[in-house]
C-alpha atoms as a PDB file:
ATOM      1  CA  MET A   1     -67.818 332.450 102.977  1.00  0.00           C
ATOM      2  CA  THR A   2     -70.584 334.444 104.711  1.00  0.00           C
ATOM      3  CA  ALA A   3     -69.817 337.638 102.694  1.00  0.00           C
ATOM      4  CA  ILE A   4     -69.879 335.713  99.429  1.00  0.00           C
ATOM      5  CA  LEU A   5     -73.189 334.049 100.224  1.00  0.00           C
ATOM      6  CA  GLN A   6     -74.722 337.286 101.318  1.00  0.00           C
ATOM      7  CA  LYS A   7     -73.583 339.103  98.233  1.00  0.00           C
ATOM      8  CA  PHE A   8     -74.685 336.356  95.864  1.00  0.00           C
ATOM      9  CA  PRO A   9     -77.985 335.033  97.039  1.00  0.00           C
ATOM     10  CA  PHE A  10     -78.299 332.785  93.980  1.00  0.00           C
ATOM     11  CA  PHE A  11     -75.832 330.375  95.812  1.00  0.00           C
ATOM     12  CA  THR A  12     -78.431 328.321  97.657  1.00  0.00           C
ATOM     13  CA  GLU A  13     -76.397 325.159  98.536  1.00  0.00           C
ATOM     14  CA  VAL A  14     -73.317 325.121 100.838  1.00  0.00           C
ATOM     15  CA  SER A  15     -70.897 322.217 101.010  1.00  0.00           C
ATOM     16  CA  VAL A  16     -67.785 322.191 103.010  1.00  0.00           C
ATOM     17  CA  THR A  17     -65.222 319.436 103.044  1.00  0.00           C
ATOM     18  CA  ASP A  18     -62.274 318.786 105.298  1.00  0.00           C
ATOM     19  CA  ASP A  19     -60.506 315.714 103.639  1.00  0.00           C
ATOM     20  CA  ASP A  20     -57.380 316.267 105.474  1.00  0.00           C
ATOM     21  CA  GLU A  21     -56.304 313.369 107.917  1.00  0.00           C
ATOM     22  CA  GLY A  22     -55.263 315.908 110.396  1.00  0.00           C
ATOM     23  CA  GLU A  23     -55.988 315.993 114.090  1.00  0.00           C
ATOM     24  CA  ARG A  24     -59.530 316.095 115.317  1.00  0.00           C
ATOM     25  CA  ASP A  25     -58.780 319.528 116.938  1.00  0.00           C
ATOM     26  CA  ASP A  26     -58.183 320.777 113.403  1.00  0.00           C
ATOM     27  CA  GLN A  27     -61.509 319.439 112.242  1.00  0.00           C
ATOM     28  CA  HIS A  28     -63.336 321.051 115.186  1.00  0.00           C
ATOM     29  CA  ALA A  29     -61.603 324.278 114.210  1.00  0.00           C
ATOM     30  CA  ILE A  30     -63.158 324.031 110.774  1.00  0.00           C
ATOM     31  CA  LEU A  31     -66.589 322.696 111.902  1.00  0.00           C
ATOM     32  CA  SER A  32     -67.134 325.185 114.741  1.00  0.00           C
ATOM     33  CA  PRO A  33     -67.088 328.419 112.671  1.00  0.00           C
ATOM     34  CA  PHE A  34     -69.168 326.604 109.881  1.00  0.00           C
ATOM     35  CA  ILE A  35     -71.812 325.669 112.343  1.00  0.00           C
ATOM     36  CA  ALA A  36     -71.674 329.134 114.023  1.00  0.00           C
ATOM     37  CA  VAL A  37     -72.353 330.914 110.644  1.00  0.00           C
ATOM     38  CA  PHE A  38     -75.534 328.908 110.069  1.00  0.00           C
ATOM     39  CA  THR A  39     -76.869 328.694 113.564  1.00  0.00           C
ATOM     40  CA  ILE A  40     -79.732 331.035 114.313  1.00  0.00           C
ATOM     41  CA  SER A  41     -79.456 332.700 117.761  1.00  0.00           C
ATOM     42  CA  ASN A  42     -82.312 332.258 120.201  1.00  0.00           C
ATOM     43  CA  SER A  43     -82.103 336.011 121.043  1.00  0.00           C
ATOM     44  CA  THR A  44     -82.804 336.991 117.314  1.00  0.00           C
ATOM     45  CA  PRO A  45     -84.646 334.128 115.694  1.00  0.00           C
ATOM     46  CA  THR A  46     -86.211 336.448 113.001  1.00  0.00           C
ATOM     47  CA  ALA A  47     -82.837 337.742 111.858  1.00  0.00           C
ATOM     48  CA  MET A  48     -81.883 334.590 110.021  1.00  0.00           C
ATOM     49  CA  MET A  49     -78.342 334.643 108.559  1.00  0.00           C
ATOM     50  CA  LEU A  50     -78.456 333.540 105.015  1.00  0.00           C
ATOM     51  CA  PRO A  51     -82.159 332.618 104.746  1.00  0.00           C
ATOM     52  CA  HIS A  52     -81.896 331.647 101.043  1.00  0.00           C
ATOM     53  CA  ILE A  53     -79.870 328.497 101.873  1.00  0.00           C
ATOM     54  CA  THR A  54     -81.761 325.224 100.839  1.00  0.00           C
ATOM     55  CA  LYS A  55     -78.963 322.753 101.449  1.00  0.00           C
ATOM     56  CA  ILE A  56     -76.154 322.534 104.015  1.00  0.00           C
ATOM     57  CA  CYS A  57     -73.512 319.824 103.664  1.00  0.00           C
ATOM     58  CA  PHE A  58     -70.381 318.902 105.664  1.00  0.00           C
ATOM     59  CA  ALA A  59     -67.820 316.251 105.029  1.00  0.00           C
ATOM     60  CA  CYS A  60     -64.726 315.221 107.035  1.00  0.00           C
ATOM     61  CA  GLU A  61     -62.072 312.599 107.190  1.00  0.00           C
ATOM     62  CA  ARG A  62     -62.270 311.689 110.813  1.00  0.00           C
ATOM     63  CA  ALA A  63     -64.777 312.877 113.404  1.00  0.00           C
ATOM     64  CA  ASP A  64     -66.352 311.621 116.577  1.00  0.00           C
ATOM     65  CA  ALA A  65     -69.927 311.429 117.672  1.00  0.00           C
ATOM     66  CA  VAL A  66     -69.776 314.970 119.157  1.00  0.00           C
ATOM     67  CA  ILE A  67     -70.464 316.272 115.683  1.00  0.00           C
ATOM     68  CA  PHE A  68     -74.047 315.073 115.703  1.00  0.00           C
ATOM     69  CA  PRO A  69     -75.408 317.216 118.545  1.00  0.00           C
ATOM     70  CA  LEU A  70     -73.565 320.257 117.238  1.00  0.00           C
ATOM     71  CA  PHE A  71     -74.784 319.789 113.637  1.00  0.00           C
ATOM     72  CA  LEU A  72     -78.363 319.076 114.865  1.00  0.00           C
ATOM     73  CA  ASP A  73     -78.480 322.107 116.979  1.00  0.00           C
ATOM     74  CA  MET A  74     -77.646 324.192 113.853  1.00  0.00           C
ATOM     75  CA  LEU A  75     -80.257 322.447 111.885  1.00  0.00           C
ATOM     76  CA  GLU A  76     -82.986 322.829 114.420  1.00  0.00           C
ATOM     77  CA  SER A  77     -82.135 326.484 114.875  1.00  0.00           C
ATOM     78  CA  ARG A  78     -82.840 327.082 111.236  1.00  0.00           C
ATOM     79  CA  TRP A  79     -85.752 324.712 110.851  1.00  0.00           C
ATOM     80  CA  LYS A  80     -87.751 326.376 113.579  1.00  0.00           C
ATOM     81  CA  VAL A  81     -87.694 329.783 112.037  1.00  0.00           C
ATOM     82  CA  SER A  82     -90.731 330.613 109.904  1.00  0.00           C
ATOM     83  CA  ASN A  83     -90.156 330.515 106.181  1.00  0.00           C
ATOM     84  CA  CYS A  84     -87.199 328.323 106.400  1.00  0.00           C
ATOM     85  CA  ALA A  85     -85.734 327.575 103.003  1.00  0.00           C
ATOM     86  CA  LEU A  86     -83.646 324.695 104.264  1.00  0.00           C
ATOM     87  CA  GLY A  87     -84.854 321.553 102.614  1.00  0.00           C
ATOM     88  CA  SER A  88     -81.927 318.992 102.968  1.00  0.00           C
ATOM     89  CA  THR A  89     -78.589 318.334 104.554  1.00  0.00           C
ATOM     90  CA  GLU A  90     -75.794 315.816 104.198  1.00  0.00           C
ATOM     91  CA  LEU A  91     -73.365 314.815 106.750  1.00  0.00           C
ATOM     92  CA  VAL A  92     -70.461 312.800 105.085  1.00  0.00           C
ATOM     93  CA  PHE A  93     -67.649 310.861 106.789  1.00  0.00           C
ATOM     94  CA  PHE A  94     -64.879 309.466 104.701  1.00  0.00           C
ATOM     95  CA  GLY A  95     -63.480 307.245 107.419  1.00  0.00           C
ATOM     96  CA  TYR A  96     -65.234 304.610 109.487  1.00  0.00           C
ATOM     97  CA  PRO A  97     -68.897 304.780 110.264  1.00  0.00           C
ATOM     98  CA  ILE A  98     -69.858 306.966 113.246  1.00  0.00           C
ATOM     99  CA  GLU A  99     -73.044 305.978 115.005  1.00  0.00           C
ATOM    100  CA  PRO A 100     -75.203 308.833 116.413  1.00  0.00           C
ATOM    101  CA  ASP A 101     -76.016 308.493 120.097  1.00  0.00           C
ATOM    102  CA  SER A 102     -79.748 307.603 120.826  1.00  0.00           C
ATOM    103  CA  ARG A 103     -80.652 311.222 121.484  1.00  0.00           C
ATOM    104  CA  SER A 104     -79.189 312.374 118.170  1.00  0.00           C
ATOM    105  CA  LEU A 105     -80.830 309.667 116.263  1.00  0.00           C
ATOM    106  CA  ALA A 106     -84.205 310.599 117.871  1.00  0.00           C
ATOM    107  CA  ARG A 107     -83.511 314.230 116.841  1.00  0.00           C
ATOM    108  CA  ILE A 108     -82.673 313.232 113.238  1.00  0.00           C
ATOM    109  CA  LYS A 109     -85.911 311.205 113.064  1.00  0.00           C
ATOM    110  CA  LYS A 110     -88.041 314.075 114.360  1.00  0.00           C
ATOM    111  CA  LEU A 111     -86.465 316.524 111.780  1.00  0.00           C
ATOM    112  CA  GLN A 112     -86.927 313.969 108.989  1.00  0.00           C
ATOM    113  CA  GLY A 113     -90.485 313.479 110.156  1.00  0.00           C
ATOM    114  CA  ALA A 114     -91.116 317.291 109.877  1.00  0.00           C
ATOM    115  CA  GLY A 115     -89.762 317.197 106.222  1.00  0.00           C
ATOM    116  CA  LEU A 116     -86.064 317.788 106.427  1.00  0.00           C
ATOM    117  CA  ARG A 117     -84.105 315.410 104.313  1.00  0.00           C
ATOM    118  CA  ILE A 118     -81.024 314.340 106.251  1.00  0.00           C
ATOM    119  CA  THR A 119     -78.384 312.091 104.708  1.00  0.00           C
ATOM    120  CA  LEU A 120     -75.491 310.357 106.443  1.00  0.00           C
ATOM    121  CA  LEU A 121     -72.783 308.793 104.326  1.00  0.00           C
ATOM    122  CA  PHE A 122     -69.655 306.859 105.121  1.00  0.00           C
ATOM    123  CA  GLY A 123     -66.580 305.398 103.423  1.00  0.00           C
ATOM    124  CA  HIS A 124     -66.759 304.775  99.630  1.00  0.00           C
ATOM    125  CA  ASN A 125     -70.344 306.240  99.398  1.00  0.00           C
ATOM    126  CA  ALA A 126     -69.077 309.334 101.126  1.00  0.00           C
ATOM    127  CA  ARG A 127     -66.156 309.814  98.756  1.00  0.00           C
ATOM    128  CA  HIS A 128     -68.472 309.300  95.807  1.00  0.00           C
ATOM    129  CA  ARG A 129     -70.909 311.854  97.094  1.00  0.00           C
ATOM    130  CA  VAL A 130     -68.312 314.560  97.724  1.00  0.00           C
ATOM    131  CA  GLY A 131     -66.998 313.886  94.223  1.00  0.00           C
ATOM    132  CA  GLN A 132     -70.392 314.843  92.919  1.00  0.00           C
ATOM    133  CA  TRP A 133     -70.281 318.046  95.133  1.00  0.00           C
ATOM    134  CA  LEU A 134     -66.821 318.948  93.639  1.00  0.00           C
ATOM    135  CA  TYR A 135     -67.645 317.842  90.114  1.00  0.00           C
ATOM    136  CA  ASN A 136     -64.371 318.144  88.308  1.00  0.00           C
ATOM    137  CA  ILE A 137     -63.742 317.662  84.606  1.00  0.00           C
ATOM    138  CA  GLU A 138     -60.495 315.814  83.984  1.00  0.00           C
ATOM    139  CA  TRP A 139     -58.223 317.254  81.558  1.00  0.00           C
ATOM    140  CA  THR A 140     -56.801 314.985  79.010  1.00  0.00           C
END
């Protein structure tokens, strides 16, 4: 994914979905590298990986609240770099609603207050949104 995004900078939005009802460990195995690709290291904040990305979205079938701090760490690492192109993000859960802990909620509100559009979606709304990401024409 990284090589494609670097080679073709006209791709400015990234959406990854894991709609498999597999184990949480499988979902963490997908989420961890995804977050690592987009997290800016404190040691090299000026060397932003994929600086042209304007929107980052992640969807999964089942997850737990631990996803919020990890996702927010990645967002904050990008947001604090000057000339950040990131403008919006979506975190989508197909299953039951997952409430962010109070610290994560405060971090979300702080980023939103700074101008980052953050959307959390659950259930039917989540499936509808991912359907928009993956717009498919039905063959008749």
